[in-house]
C-alpha atoms as a PDB file:
ATOM      1  CA  MET A   1    -125.425  11.197  45.050  1.00  0.00           C
ATOM      2  CA  SER A   2    -122.375  10.225  47.163  1.00  0.00           C
ATOM      3  CA  SER A   3    -119.452  12.259  47.865  1.00  0.00           C
ATOM      4  CA  VAL A   4    -117.314   9.539  45.559  1.00  0.00           C
ATOM      5  CA  ARG A   5    -120.011   9.617  42.698  1.00  0.00           C
ATOM      6  CA  LYS A   6    -120.219  13.566  42.684  1.00  0.00           C
ATOM      7  CA  LEU A   7    -116.210  13.570  42.172  1.00  0.00           C
ATOM      8  CA  PHE A   8    -116.215  11.250  39.823  1.00  0.00           C
ATOM      9  CA  GLY A   9    -118.937  12.428  38.075  1.00  0.00           C
ATOM     10  CA  LEU A  10    -117.578  16.253  37.662  1.00  0.00           C
ATOM     11  CA  SER A  11    -113.757  15.097  37.245  1.00  0.00           C
ATOM     12  CA  ILE A  12    -113.096  11.776  35.549  1.00  0.00           C
ATOM     13  CA  ALA A  13    -113.000  12.924  32.087  1.00  0.00           C
ATOM     14  CA  SER A  14    -110.455  15.761  32.848  1.00  0.00           C
ATOM     15  CA  LEU A  15    -107.663  13.689  32.232  1.00  0.00           C
ATOM     16  CA  LEU A  16    -109.197  11.671  28.857  1.00  0.00           C
ATOM     17  CA  GLY A  17    -107.190  12.212  25.458  1.00  0.00           C
ATOM     18  CA  MET A  18    -104.548  13.906  27.314  1.00  0.00           C
ATOM     19  CA  ALA A  19    -101.856  12.699  24.982  1.00  0.00           C
ATOM     20  CA  VAL A  20    -103.499  14.447  22.079  1.00  0.00           C
ATOM     21  CA  SER A  21    -104.937  17.335  23.907  1.00  0.00           C
ATOM     22  CA  PRO A  22    -103.225  20.702  22.913  1.00  0.00           C
ATOM     23  CA  THR A  23    -100.982  22.617  25.640  1.00  0.00           C
ATOM     24  CA  VAL A  24    -103.024  25.794  26.454  1.00  0.00           C
ATOM     25  CA  GLN A  25    -100.893  28.924  25.271  1.00  0.00           C
ATOM     26  CA  ALA A  26    -101.215  32.615  25.786  1.00  0.00           C
ATOM     27  CA  ALA A  27    -104.816  33.805  24.863  1.00  0.00           C
ATOM     28  CA  GLU A  28    -105.661  30.673  23.185  1.00  0.00           C
ATOM     29  CA  ALA A  29    -109.142  30.037  22.570  1.00  0.00           C
ATOM     30  CA  LEU A  30    -110.419  26.772  23.959  1.00  0.00           C
ATOM     31  CA  ALA A  31    -113.700  27.151  22.148  1.00  0.00           C
ATOM     32  CA  GLN A  32    -114.163  28.760  19.090  1.00  0.00           C
ATOM     33  CA  TRP A  33    -116.945  27.311  17.738  1.00  0.00           C
ATOM     34  CA  PRO A  34    -116.932  26.544  14.045  1.00  0.00           C
ATOM     35  CA  ALA A  35    -119.007  28.558  11.858  1.00  0.00           C
ATOM     36  CA  ASN A  36    -120.748  25.357  10.218  1.00  0.00           C
ATOM     37  CA  ALA A  37    -123.075  24.102  13.241  1.00  0.00           C
ATOM     38  CA  THR A  38    -123.421  20.833  11.742  1.00  0.00           C
ATOM     39  CA  VAL A  39    -120.022  19.507  11.989  1.00  0.00           C
ATOM     40  CA  GLY A  40    -119.968  18.838  15.534  1.00  0.00           C
ATOM     41  CA  ILE A  41    -118.484  19.786  18.643  1.00  0.00           C
ATOM     42  CA  PRO A  42    -114.497  20.218  17.611  1.00  0.00           C
ATOM     43  CA  SER A  43    -111.747  17.931  20.119  1.00  0.00           C
ATOM     44  CA  PRO A  44    -110.498  17.792  22.428  1.00  0.00           C
ATOM     45  CA  TRP A  45    -113.893  19.130  23.749  1.00  0.00           C
ATOM     46  CA  LYS A  46    -115.816  15.395  24.940  1.00  0.00           C
ATOM     47  CA  PRO A  47    -119.081  14.590  26.576  1.00  0.00           C
ATOM     48  CA  GLN A  48    -118.856  12.993  30.153  1.00  0.00           C
ATOM     49  CA  TYR A  49    -121.907  11.387  31.785  1.00  0.00           C
ATOM     50  CA  HIS A  50    -122.266   9.834  35.080  1.00  0.00           C
ATOM     51  CA  PRO A  51    -123.115   5.774  34.454  1.00  0.00           C
ATOM     52  CA  ASP A  52    -125.315   5.988  37.564  1.00  0.00           C
ATOM     53  CA  ILE A  53    -127.721   8.523  35.731  1.00  0.00           C
ATOM     54  CA  ALA A  54    -129.681   7.717  33.028  1.00  0.00           C
ATOM     55  CA  GLU A  55    -130.691  10.911  31.695  1.00  0.00           C
ATOM     56  CA  HIS A  56    -127.876  12.726  29.917  1.00  0.00           C
ATOM     57  CA  THR A  57    -127.568  16.778  29.143  1.00  0.00           C
ATOM     58  CA  GLU A  58    -127.409  16.875  25.516  1.00  0.00           C
ATOM     59  CA  PHE A  59    -124.595  19.166  23.975  1.00  0.00           C
ATOM     60  CA  ARG A  60    -125.028  20.244  20.196  1.00  0.00           C
ATOM     61  CA  LEU A  61    -123.876  23.451  18.180  1.00  0.00           C
ATOM     62  CA  LEU A  62    -126.319  26.107  16.856  1.00  0.00           C
ATOM     63  CA  LYS A  63    -126.295  28.964  14.780  1.00  0.00           C
ATOM     64  CA  GLN A  64    -127.716  32.280  17.178  1.00  0.00           C
ATOM     65  CA  GLY A  65    -127.654  35.368  14.573  1.00  0.00           C
ATOM     66  CA  ASN A  66    -124.025  35.298  12.670  1.00  0.00           C
ATOM     67  CA  LYS A  67    -121.991  33.388  15.123  1.00  0.00           C
ATOM     68  CA  THR A  68    -122.279  29.658  16.473  1.00  0.00           C
ATOM     69  CA  VAL A  69    -123.028  28.680  20.163  1.00  0.00           C
ATOM     70  CA  LEU A  70    -122.988  25.654  22.301  1.00  0.00           C
ATOM     71  CA  LEU A  71    -126.240  24.613  23.883  1.00  0.00           C
ATOM     72  CA  ALA A  72    -126.284  22.650  26.694  1.00  0.00           C
ATOM     73  CA  ASP A  73    -130.052  21.247  27.355  1.00  0.00           C
ATOM     74  CA  ALA A  74    -130.777  18.888  30.367  1.00  0.00           C
ATOM     75  CA  ASP A  75    -134.087  17.245  31.035  1.00  0.00           C
ATOM     76  CA  MET A  76    -134.063  15.674  34.365  1.00  0.00           C
ATOM     77  CA  ALA A  77    -130.332  15.223  33.231  1.00  0.00           C
ATOM     78  CA  TYR A  78    -126.684  15.552  34.253  1.00  0.00           C
ATOM     79  CA  GLY A  79    -123.397  15.821  31.793  1.00  0.00           C
ATOM     80  CA  THR A  80    -120.466  18.009  31.445  1.00  0.00           C
ATOM     81  CA  LEU A  81    -118.405  18.764  28.547  1.00  0.00           C
ATOM     82  CA  VAL A  82    -114.644  18.847  29.281  1.00  0.00           C
ATOM     83  CA  HIS A  83    -111.571  20.405  27.711  1.00  0.00           C
ATOM     84  CA  PRO A  84    -108.781  18.042  28.938  1.00  0.00           C
ATOM     85  CA  PHE A  85    -105.022  19.598  28.806  1.00  0.00           C
ATOM     86  CA  ALA A  86    -102.199  18.038  27.703  1.00  0.00           C
ATOM     87  CA  LYS A  87    -100.292  18.813  31.282  1.00  0.00           C
ATOM     88  CA  PRO A  88    -100.877  21.073  34.139  1.00  0.00           C
ATOM     89  CA  THR A  89    -100.728  24.551  32.601  1.00  0.00           C
ATOM     90  CA  THR A  90    -100.613  27.981  34.762  1.00  0.00           C
ATOM     91  CA  LEU A  91    -103.628  29.835  33.516  1.00  0.00           C
ATOM     92  CA  LYS A  92    -103.595  33.518  34.766  1.00  0.00           C
ATOM     93  CA  ALA A  93    -107.077  34.482  33.367  1.00  0.00           C
ATOM     94  CA  LEU A  94    -110.552  32.834  32.105  1.00  0.00           C
ATOM     95  CA  SER A  95    -112.784  34.704  29.448  1.00  0.00           C
ATOM     96  CA  TRP A  96    -116.482  32.997  28.360  1.00  0.00           C
ATOM     97  CA  GLU A  97    -119.768  33.956  27.462  1.00  0.00           C
ATOM     98  CA  TRP A  98    -123.063  32.148  28.110  1.00  0.00           C
ATOM     99  CA  GLN A  99    -126.655  32.669  28.658  1.00  0.00           C
ATOM    100  CA  VAL A 100    -128.818  30.700  30.907  1.00  0.00           C
ATOM    101  CA  LEU A 101    -132.222  29.858  29.298  1.00  0.00           C
ATOM    102  CA  THR A 102    -133.846  27.780  31.886  1.00  0.00           C
ATOM    103  CA  GLN A 103    -133.139  27.872  35.410  1.00  0.00           C
ATOM    104  CA  PRO A 104    -133.858  24.262  36.803  1.00  0.00           C
ATOM    105  CA  THR A 105    -136.960  24.452  39.099  1.00  0.00           C
ATOM    106  CA  LYS A 106    -136.101  24.672  43.072  1.00  0.00           C
ATOM    107  CA  ALA A 107    -132.510  24.889  42.307  1.00  0.00           C
ATOM    108  CA  ASN A 108    -129.921  25.376  45.460  1.00  0.00           C
ATOM    109  CA  LEU A 109    -126.557  24.353  44.776  1.00  0.00           C
ATOM    110  CA  GLN A 110    -126.165  24.358  48.748  1.00  0.00           C
ATOM    111  CA  THR A 111    -128.049  21.150  49.123  1.00  0.00           C
ATOM    112  CA  LYS A 112    -128.505  18.045  48.086  1.00  0.00           C
ATOM    113  CA  ALA A 113    -132.179  18.084  46.793  1.00  0.00           C
ATOM    114  CA  GLY A 114    -131.276  21.643  44.642  1.00  0.00           C
ATOM    115  CA  ASP A 115    -127.878  20.878  43.290  1.00  0.00           C
ATOM    116  CA  ASP A 116    -128.310  21.438  39.637  1.00  0.00           C
ATOM    117  CA  ALA A 117    -127.093  24.589  37.534  1.00  0.00           C
ATOM    118  CA  GLY A 118    -128.481  26.354  34.805  1.00  0.00           C
ATOM    119  CA  ALA A 119    -125.150  26.881  33.343  1.00  0.00           C
ATOM    120  CA  LYS A 120    -121.488  26.345  35.220  1.00  0.00           C
ATOM    121  CA  LEU A 121    -118.192  26.330  33.869  1.00  0.00           C
ATOM    122  CA  CYS A 122    -115.126  24.682  35.933  1.00  0.00           C
ATOM    123  CA  ALA A 123    -111.660  24.796  36.304  1.00  0.00           C
ATOM    124  CA  PHE A 124    -109.749  21.539  37.391  1.00  0.00           C
ATOM    125  CA  ILE A 125    -107.151  22.885  39.643  1.00  0.00           C
ATOM    126  CA  GLN A 126    -103.726  21.025  40.731  1.00  0.00           C
ATOM    127  CA  ILE A 127    -103.644  21.207  44.457  1.00  0.00           C
ATOM    128  CA  ASP A 128    -100.637  19.776  47.050  1.00  0.00           C
ATOM    129  CA  GLU A 129    -102.884  16.606  48.116  1.00  0.00           C
ATOM    130  CA  GLY A 130    -100.120  16.332  51.142  1.00  0.00           C
ATOM    131  CA  LYS A 131    -102.244  18.618  52.685  1.00  0.00           C
ATOM    132  CA  LEU A 132    -105.588  16.835  52.654  1.00  0.00           C
ATOM    133  CA  GLY A 133    -107.015  15.106  55.951  1.00  0.00           C
ATOM    134  CA  ILE A 134    -106.718  11.477  55.654  1.00  0.00           C
ATOM    135  CA  GLY A 135    -110.488  10.750  54.968  1.00  0.00           C
ATOM    136  CA  THR A 136    -110.647  13.080  52.245  1.00  0.00           C
ATOM    137  CA  ARG A 137    -107.601  11.466  50.679  1.00  0.00           C
ATOM    138  CA  LEU A 138    -109.379   7.874  51.376  1.00  0.00           C
ATOM    139  CA  ALA A 139    -112.465   8.858  49.456  1.00  0.00           C
ATOM    140  CA  LEU A 140    -110.080  10.478  46.435  1.00  0.00           C
ATOM    141  CA  ALA A 141    -108.214   7.136  46.216  1.00  0.00           C
ATOM    142  CA  ALA A 142    -111.701   5.224  46.196  1.00  0.00           C
ATOM    143  CA  ALA A 143    -112.730   7.299  43.334  1.00  0.00           C
ATOM    144  CA  ARG A 144    -109.685   7.133  41.450  1.00  0.00           C
ATOM    145  CA  THR A 145    -110.269   3.483  41.707  1.00  0.00           C
ATOM    146  CA  VAL A 146    -113.641   3.108  40.478  1.00  0.00           C
ATOM    147  CA  SER A 147    -113.203   5.416  37.511  1.00  0.00           C
ATOM    148  CA  GLY A 148    -109.321   4.196  36.645  1.00  0.00           C
ATOM    149  CA  GLU A 149    -108.286   7.604  36.479  1.00  0.00           C
ATOM    150  CA  ARG A 150    -106.106  10.049  38.669  1.00  0.00           C
ATOM    151  CA  LEU A 151    -108.917  12.133  38.951  1.00  0.00           C
ATOM    152  CA  PRO A 152    -108.114  16.039  40.010  1.00  0.00           C
ATOM    153  CA  ALA A 153    -108.668  16.747  43.750  1.00  0.00           C
ATOM    154  CA  ALA A 154    -110.086  20.226  43.458  1.00  0.00           C
ATOM    155  CA  THR A 155    -112.490  21.664  40.992  1.00  0.00           C
ATOM    156  CA  LEU A 156    -113.912  25.534  41.218  1.00  0.00           C
ATOM    157  CA  CYS A 157    -116.958  26.278  39.470  1.00  0.00           C
ATOM    158  CA  TYR A 158    -118.467  29.340  38.229  1.00  0.00           C
ATOM    159  CA  VAL A 159    -122.403  29.626  38.491  1.00  0.00           C
ATOM    160  CA  TRP A 160    -125.208  31.527  38.355  1.00  0.00           C
ATOM    161  CA  GLY A 161    -126.703  32.597  41.951  1.00  0.00           C
ATOM    162  CA  THR A 162    -130.126  31.395  43.534  1.00  0.00           C
ATOM    163  CA  PRO A 163    -132.007  33.059  46.024  1.00  0.00           C
ATOM    164  CA  GLY A 164    -129.963  34.029  49.025  1.00  0.00           C
ATOM    165  CA  GLU A 165    -126.584  33.961  47.447  1.00  0.00           C
ATOM    166  CA  LYS A 166    -124.082  36.749  46.526  1.00  0.00           C
ATOM    167  CA  VAL A 167    -121.926  37.404  43.904  1.00  0.00           C
ATOM    168  CA  GLY A 168    -118.550  36.501  44.955  1.00  0.00           C
ATOM    169  CA  GLN A 169    -119.774  34.095  47.614  1.00  0.00           C
ATOM    170  CA  VAL A 170    -117.757  30.918  47.134  1.00  0.00           C
ATOM    171  CA  PHE A 171    -119.238  27.551  48.931  1.00  0.00           C
ATOM    172  CA  ASP A 172    -118.881  23.699  48.989  1.00  0.00           C
ATOM    173  CA  ASN A 173    -120.501  21.648  47.020  1.00  0.00           C
ATOM    174  CA  PRO A 174    -123.291  19.698  49.174  1.00  0.00           C
ATOM    175  CA  PHE A 175    -122.136  16.484  47.942  1.00  0.00           C
ATOM    176  CA  THR A 176    -118.323  16.957  48.535  1.00  0.00           C
ATOM    177  CA  GLU A 177    -116.184  19.540  49.345  1.00  0.00           C
ATOM    178  CA  ARG A 178    -113.621  18.752  46.820  1.00  0.00           C
ATOM    179  CA  VAL A 179    -115.869  20.449  44.337  1.00  0.00           C
ATOM    180  CA  ARG A 180    -116.429  24.599  45.307  1.00  0.00           C
ATOM    181  CA  ASN A 181    -118.767  26.907  43.408  1.00  0.00           C
ATOM    182  CA  ILE A 182    -118.378  30.805  43.099  1.00  0.00           C
ATOM    183  CA  VAL A 183    -121.127  32.667  42.096  1.00  0.00           C
ATOM    184  CA  VAL A 184    -120.827  35.072  39.299  1.00  0.00           C
ATOM    185  CA  ARG A 185    -124.001  36.377  38.761  1.00  0.00           C
ATOM    186  CA  ASP A 186    -126.963  37.329  41.069  1.00  0.00           C
ATOM    187  CA  THR A 187    -129.832  36.429  38.515  1.00  0.00           C
ATOM    188  CA  ALA A 188    -130.659  32.844  36.852  1.00  0.00           C
ATOM    189  CA  THR A 189    -131.594  34.463  33.390  1.00  0.00           C
ATOM    190  CA  ALA A 190    -130.708  36.858  30.796  1.00  0.00           C
ATOM    191  CA  SER A 191    -131.478  38.028  27.450  1.00  0.00           C
ATOM    192  CA  GLU A 192    -128.252  37.532  25.639  1.00  0.00           C
ATOM    193  CA  LEU A 193    -124.952  36.110  26.110  1.00  0.00           C
ATOM    194  CA  ILE A 194    -123.156  37.678  29.015  1.00  0.00           C
ATOM    195  CA  ALA A 195    -119.112  38.125  28.932  1.00  0.00           C
ATOM    196  CA  GLU A 196    -116.900  36.695  32.002  1.00  0.00           C
ATOM    197  CA  ASN A 197    -113.632  37.337  32.538  1.00  0.00           C
ATOM    198  CA  ARG A 198    -112.355  35.863  35.894  1.00  0.00           C
ATOM    199  CA  ASP A 199    -108.646  36.110  37.596  1.00  0.00           C
ATOM    200  CA  LEU A 200    -107.990  32.292  37.509  1.00  0.00           C
ATOM    201  CA  GLN A 201    -105.284  32.808  40.072  1.00  0.00           C
ATOM    202  CA  ALA A 202    -107.150  34.675  42.755  1.00  0.00           C
ATOM    203  CA  ASP A 203    -110.369  32.804  42.378  1.00  0.00           C
ATOM    204  CA  ALA A 204    -108.379  29.604  42.955  1.00  0.00           C
ATOM    205  CA  ARG A 205    -106.771  30.710  46.037  1.00  0.00           C
ATOM    206  CA  LYS A 206    -109.812  32.471  47.494  1.00  0.00           C
ATOM    207  CA  ALA A 207    -111.302  28.818  46.915  1.00  0.00           C
ATOM    208  CA  PHE A 208    -108.340  26.155  48.063  1.00  0.00           C
ATOM    209  CA  GLY A 209    -105.591  28.837  49.219  1.00  0.00           C
ATOM    210  CA  ASP A 210    -104.532  26.617  52.194  1.00  0.00           C
ATOM    211  CA  GLU A 211    -104.328  23.410  49.996  1.00  0.00           C
ATOM    212  CA  LEU A 212    -102.157  24.906  47.093  1.00  0.00           C
ATOM    213  CA  PRO A 213     -98.671  24.722  46.610  1.00  0.00           C
ATOM    214  CA  GLN A 214     -96.279  27.817  46.359  1.00  0.00           C
ATOM    215  CA  GLY A 215     -96.045  29.671  42.892  1.00  0.00           C
ATOM    216  CA  PRO A 216     -98.696  29.997  40.289  1.00  0.00           C
ATOM    217  CA  VAL A 217    -101.629  27.680  40.195  1.00  0.00           C
ATOM    218  CA  MET A 218    -101.808  24.979  37.943  1.00  0.00           C
ATOM    219  CA  PHE A 219    -104.957  23.542  35.857  1.00  0.00           C
ATOM    220  CA  THR A 220    -105.640  20.590  34.307  1.00  0.00           C
ATOM    221  CA  GLY A 221    -108.768  20.832  32.265  1.00  0.00           C
ATOM    222  CA  ILE A 222    -112.113  22.858  32.415  1.00  0.00           C
ATOM    223  CA  ALA A 223    -115.311  21.754  31.752  1.00  0.00           C
ATOM    224  CA  LEU A 224    -119.051  23.287  31.272  1.00  0.00           C
ATOM    225  CA  GLY A 225    -122.388  22.127  31.552  1.00  0.00           C
ATOM    226  CA  ALA A 226    -125.899  22.227  32.813  1.00  0.00           C
ATOM    227  CA  ASP A 227    -127.718  19.734  34.719  1.00  0.00           C
ATOM    228  CA  SER A 228    -131.290  18.860  36.009  1.00  0.00           C
ATOM    229  CA  ASP A 229    -131.265  15.528  37.733  1.00  0.00           C
ATOM    230  CA  ASN A 230    -131.672  16.259  41.250  1.00  0.00           C
ATOM    231  CA  THR A 231    -134.417  18.668  40.958  1.00  0.00           C
ATOM    232  CA  LYS A 232    -136.333  16.550  38.643  1.00  0.00           C
ATOM    233  CA  SER A 233    -136.884  19.583  36.115  1.00  0.00           C
ATOM    234  CA  LYS A 234    -134.741  21.109  33.740  1.00  0.00           C
ATOM    235  CA  ALA A 235    -131.824  23.032  32.240  1.00  0.00           C
ATOM    236  CA  LYS A 236    -130.985  25.294  29.303  1.00  0.00           C
ATOM    237  CA  ALA A 237    -127.613  27.149  28.552  1.00  0.00           C
ATOM    238  CA  LEU A 238    -125.769  28.618  25.637  1.00  0.00           C
ATOM    239  CA  PHE A 239    -122.096  29.068  25.769  1.00  0.00           C
ATOM    240  CA  GLY A 240    -120.061  31.182  23.357  1.00  0.00           C
ATOM    241  CA  LYS A 241    -116.540  31.603  22.796  1.00  0.00           C
ATOM    242  CA  ILE A 242    -114.208  30.552  25.421  1.00  0.00           C
ATOM    243  CA  SER A 243    -110.394  31.747  25.884  1.00  0.00           C
ATOM    244  CA  ALA A 244    -107.691  31.378  28.457  1.00  0.00           C
ATOM    245  CA  GLU A 245    -104.303  33.232  29.063  1.00  0.00           C
END
């Protein structure tokens, strides 16, 4: 997967539907999945796939006890579910629940062959693109031309660690430095949903500090998913409530 393809794949839907998507307000529930799991995934969440990858991650709601959760199920597949924002928005914190049910075989997010995630949650960051090198700007321009969208130039993904990675570690996606991962869990499985609460401002500065403008960091959307296309294996995860403030 080329850097343009990866950038396209992770980011193309971040601006889709912006005219109708709500601006994030204080402590807004970005995902409060409906009690009736048969009604479908609510707007403005939208599945996004890559045209060069035939198999797609399946997203669907299901009941788990007395609550509704989102299942991301990938069988040699790729896909994300994206929540775009109506305009660049300052977020202080992001909270969510997730659980890895199946970790991709031989997953290693620091190699191209192993670049699959049992679960990931990503934030699209607005940066000062004038601080990017000419090569990076040309690659970004190419991706935007292919997609027909003004793709975000910086994506931060929260991931579950694979062997050798430590909690808090930040590293580039092996296909493109425009996507950076931060490890929030040091194991790939869990017996129940785990709650996370991250300081988005601090994490964004840790990952993209020199490229960010002065003042509060702004975001253009979030995405979640599971993928297993590179390892030709399977990935499965659950996501509970997601909120931002």
